[in-house]
Structure formats: C-alpha cells, structure tokens
Amino acid sequence: MGGIVAMQGETIAGYAMLDLDKQEVDAVFVDPARAGLGIGKRLLAALELLARGRGIVRLQLSASFNAVPFYRAAGFVAMRGQAYAHPSGISLASVAMEKALAWRSAIG
C-alpha cells in the first residue's frame, strides 16, 4: 500500500491511497471544506506517479457515482457498473474504471 497526504499548513487537506498489489486506487479523499482547490487532482496525479515508479502500467478503481466525473476528467474510463462490498458489510453501487498510464520517454 502506498499513500500520499496533502497538507495545508498544519492541517490535513486530503489523502490518497494506492493498493500496489492490486494496482488499484483505494481512496482519494479531500476535506469538503477544501473542495474545488485542485487538491484531489494533485493527489491522484501523485498516485499515478507512484504507480509508474513501481512499474504499474494500468490503474483501476471502484468509483461511487458522484466521483465518476472526477475520475473521467483524470482520464479514467468506465468499464461497468458493479456493487462495491464495503468493509462495514453494506453493498454500494459503483462503477469500475481504469486508466492506462502514459510513459514518458527519456529519449528526445
């Protein structure tokens, strides 16, 4: 598991988690009071950089319906609807999404 924390001064503004074994974005959370500032976008970009550094070429995730536009704007593609089994025991409707990570050439 890999993680990134976004700080604003002494306050946690958000965090993101990457399950390296599953090659899956596990969480991107931004404090609602700090929404719209680009924090989530930067957290997701940092996760992608972390994934590339570990040789991951494709990321997947399970997005809640309200998060689909955020991930779509970041280049993720919806694959199918699904039920996400939350650890609390409830089932949440979600969308399986994935993204092929672009590799930058060190040449030219």
C-alpha atoms as a PDB file:
ATOM      1  CA  MET A   1       0.000   0.000   0.000  1.00  0.00           C
ATOM      2  CA  GLY A   2       1.242   3.471  -0.829  1.00  0.00           C
ATOM      3  CA  GLY A   3      -0.191   6.740   0.366  1.00  0.00           C
ATOM      4  CA  ILE A   4       0.038  10.487  -0.087  1.00  0.00           C
ATOM      5  CA  VAL A   5      -1.141  13.176   2.337  1.00  0.00           C
ATOM      6  CA  ALA A   6      -1.943  16.744   1.249  1.00  0.00           C
ATOM      7  CA  MET A   7      -1.244  19.373   3.887  1.00  0.00           C
ATOM      8  CA  GLN A   8      -2.305  22.997   4.080  1.00  0.00           C
ATOM      9  CA  GLY A   9      -0.189  24.480   6.815  1.00  0.00           C
ATOM     10  CA  GLU A  10      -0.625  22.185   9.816  1.00  0.00           C
ATOM     11  CA  THR A  11      -3.948  20.762   8.579  1.00  0.00           C
ATOM     12  CA  ILE A  12      -4.540  17.608   6.564  1.00  0.00           C
ATOM     13  CA  ALA A  13      -6.403  18.726   3.439  1.00  0.00           C
ATOM     14  CA  GLY A  14      -6.738  15.263   1.913  1.00  0.00           C
ATOM     15  CA  TYR A  15      -5.159  11.892   1.327  1.00  0.00           C
ATOM     16  CA  ALA A  16      -4.924   9.213  -1.339  1.00  0.00           C
ATOM     17  CA  MET A  17      -4.115   5.512  -1.126  1.00  0.00           C
ATOM     18  CA  LEU A  18      -2.824   3.097  -3.764  1.00  0.00           C
ATOM     19  CA  ASP A  19      -3.013  -0.683  -3.385  1.00  0.00           C
ATOM     20  CA  LEU A  20       0.196  -1.636  -5.172  1.00  0.00           C
ATOM     21  CA  ASP A  21      -0.561  -5.372  -5.224  1.00  0.00           C
ATOM     22  CA  LYS A  22      -3.981  -4.896  -6.837  1.00  0.00           C
ATOM     23  CA  GLN A  23      -2.785  -1.939  -8.950  1.00  0.00           C
ATOM     24  CA  GLU A  24      -5.835  -0.109  -7.677  1.00  0.00           C
ATOM     25  CA  VAL A  25      -6.614   3.389  -6.425  1.00  0.00           C
ATOM     26  CA  ASP A  26      -8.016   2.613  -2.996  1.00  0.00           C
ATOM     27  CA  ALA A  27      -9.032   6.127  -1.921  1.00  0.00           C
ATOM     28  CA  VAL A  28      -8.861   9.798  -2.833  1.00  0.00           C
ATOM     29  CA  PHE A  29     -10.381  11.976  -0.143  1.00  0.00           C
ATOM     30  CA  VAL A  30     -10.378  15.760   0.180  1.00  0.00           C
ATOM     31  CA  ASP A  31     -11.706  17.685   3.179  1.00  0.00           C
ATOM     32  CA  PRO A  32     -15.081  19.033   1.958  1.00  0.00           C
ATOM     33  CA  ALA A  33     -14.115  22.486   3.263  1.00  0.00           C
ATOM     34  CA  ARG A  34     -11.239  22.459   0.746  1.00  0.00           C
ATOM     35  CA  ALA A  35     -13.142  21.088  -2.261  1.00  0.00           C
ATOM     36  CA  GLY A  36     -12.597  22.773  -5.609  1.00  0.00           C
ATOM     37  CA  LEU A  37      -8.990  23.776  -4.954  1.00  0.00           C
ATOM     38  CA  GLY A  38      -7.413  21.053  -7.137  1.00  0.00           C
ATOM     39  CA  ILE A  39      -6.208  19.009  -4.175  1.00  0.00           C
ATOM     40  CA  GLY A  40      -7.856  15.790  -5.363  1.00  0.00           C
ATOM     41  CA  LYS A  41      -6.441  16.241  -8.850  1.00  0.00           C
ATOM     42  CA  ARG A  42      -2.922  16.673  -7.466  1.00  0.00           C
ATOM     43  CA  LEU A  43      -3.315  13.696  -5.118  1.00  0.00           C
ATOM     44  CA  LEU A  44      -4.434  11.463  -7.978  1.00  0.00           C
ATOM     45  CA  ALA A  45      -1.533  12.662 -10.161  1.00  0.00           C
ATOM     46  CA  ALA A  46       0.876  11.820  -7.314  1.00  0.00           C
ATOM     47  CA  LEU A  47      -0.615   8.312  -7.059  1.00  0.00           C
ATOM     48  CA  GLU A  48      -0.147   7.838 -10.788  1.00  0.00           C
ATOM     49  CA  LEU A  49       3.488   8.918 -10.485  1.00  0.00           C
ATOM     50  CA  LEU A  50       3.967   6.477  -7.602  1.00  0.00           C
ATOM     51  CA  ALA A  51       2.376   3.696  -9.676  1.00  0.00           C
ATOM     52  CA  ARG A  52       4.600   4.411 -12.692  1.00  0.00           C
ATOM     53  CA  GLY A  53       7.642   4.309 -10.421  1.00  0.00           C
ATOM     54  CA  ARG A  54       6.608   0.790  -9.378  1.00  0.00           C
ATOM     55  CA  GLY A  55       6.221  -0.339 -12.992  1.00  0.00           C
ATOM     56  CA  ILE A  56       2.414  -0.272 -13.000  1.00  0.00           C
ATOM     57  CA  VAL A  57       1.049   0.405 -16.483  1.00  0.00           C
ATOM     58  CA  ARG A  58      -2.710   0.332 -15.761  1.00  0.00           C
ATOM     59  CA  LEU A  59      -4.653   1.534 -12.729  1.00  0.00           C
ATOM     60  CA  GLN A  60      -8.153   0.508 -11.772  1.00  0.00           C
ATOM     61  CA  LEU A  61     -10.622   1.745  -9.186  1.00  0.00           C
ATOM     62  CA  SER A  62     -14.174   1.469  -7.984  1.00  0.00           C
ATOM     63  CA  ALA A  63     -15.860   4.892  -8.108  1.00  0.00           C
ATOM     64  CA  SER A  64     -19.014   5.979  -6.357  1.00  0.00           C
ATOM     65  CA  PHE A  65     -21.468   7.528  -8.814  1.00  0.00           C
ATOM     66  CA  ASN A  66     -20.724  11.066  -7.640  1.00  0.00           C
ATOM     67  CA  ALA A  67     -16.962  10.532  -8.176  1.00  0.00           C
ATOM     68  CA  VAL A  68     -17.231   9.247 -11.774  1.00  0.00           C
ATOM     69  CA  PRO A  69     -16.932  12.753 -13.364  1.00  0.00           C
ATOM     70  CA  PHE A  70     -13.775  13.455 -11.294  1.00  0.00           C
ATOM     71  CA  TYR A  71     -12.069  10.259 -12.425  1.00  0.00           C
ATOM     72  CA  ARG A  72     -13.313  10.629 -16.025  1.00  0.00           C
ATOM     73  CA  ALA A  73     -11.734  14.114 -16.150  1.00  0.00           C
ATOM     74  CA  ALA A  74      -8.471  12.495 -14.995  1.00  0.00           C
ATOM     75  CA  GLY A  75      -8.545  10.043 -17.915  1.00  0.00           C
ATOM     76  CA  PHE A  76     -10.202   7.015 -16.325  1.00  0.00           C
ATOM     77  CA  VAL A  77     -12.700   5.089 -18.450  1.00  0.00           C
ATOM     78  CA  ALA A  78     -15.866   3.484 -17.066  1.00  0.00           C
ATOM     79  CA  MET A  79     -15.850  -0.267 -17.674  1.00  0.00           C
ATOM     80  CA  ARG A  80     -19.023  -1.498 -15.953  1.00  0.00           C
ATOM     81  CA  GLY A  81     -21.382  -0.929 -13.074  1.00  0.00           C
ATOM     82  CA  GLN A  82     -20.786  -3.051 -10.014  1.00  0.00           C
ATOM     83  CA  ALA A  83     -21.548  -3.432  -6.345  1.00  0.00           C
ATOM     84  CA  TYR A  84     -18.715  -2.500  -4.007  1.00  0.00           C
ATOM     85  CA  ALA A  85     -18.640  -4.593  -0.829  1.00  0.00           C
ATOM     86  CA  HIS A  86     -17.809  -2.040   1.872  1.00  0.00           C
ATOM     87  CA  PRO A  87     -15.904  -3.446   4.889  1.00  0.00           C
ATOM     88  CA  SER A  88     -18.862  -2.449   7.095  1.00  0.00           C
ATOM     89  CA  GLY A  89     -20.918  -5.123   5.338  1.00  0.00           C
ATOM     90  CA  ILE A  90     -23.078  -2.903   3.141  1.00  0.00           C
ATOM     91  CA  SER A  91     -23.065  -3.025  -0.647  1.00  0.00           C
ATOM     92  CA  LEU A  92     -22.602   0.241  -2.528  1.00  0.00           C
ATOM     93  CA  ALA A  93     -23.408   0.841  -6.198  1.00  0.00           C
ATOM     94  CA  SER A  94     -20.252   1.878  -8.013  1.00  0.00           C
ATOM     95  CA  VAL A  95     -18.531   1.998 -11.381  1.00  0.00           C
ATOM     96  CA  ALA A  96     -15.389   0.007 -12.217  1.00  0.00           C
ATOM     97  CA  MET A  97     -12.958   2.324 -14.007  1.00  0.00           C
ATOM     98  CA  GLU A  98      -9.442   2.013 -15.378  1.00  0.00           C
ATOM     99  CA  LYS A  99      -6.693   4.065 -16.930  1.00  0.00           C
ATOM    100  CA  ALA A 100      -3.619   3.152 -18.934  1.00  0.00           C
ATOM    101  CA  LEU A 101      -0.712   5.153 -17.555  1.00  0.00           C
ATOM    102  CA  ALA A 102       1.283   7.115 -20.127  1.00  0.00           C
ATOM    103  CA  TRP A 103       5.015   6.546 -20.112  1.00  0.00           C
ATOM    104  CA  ARG A 104       7.345   9.408 -20.893  1.00  0.00           C
ATOM    105  CA  SER A 105      10.369   8.545 -22.934  1.00  0.00           C
ATOM    106  CA  ALA A 106      13.771   9.574 -21.582  1.00  0.00           C
ATOM    107  CA  ILE A 107      14.905   9.975 -25.197  1.00  0.00           C
ATOM    108  CA  GLY A 108      14.269  13.191 -27.124  1.00  0.00           C
END
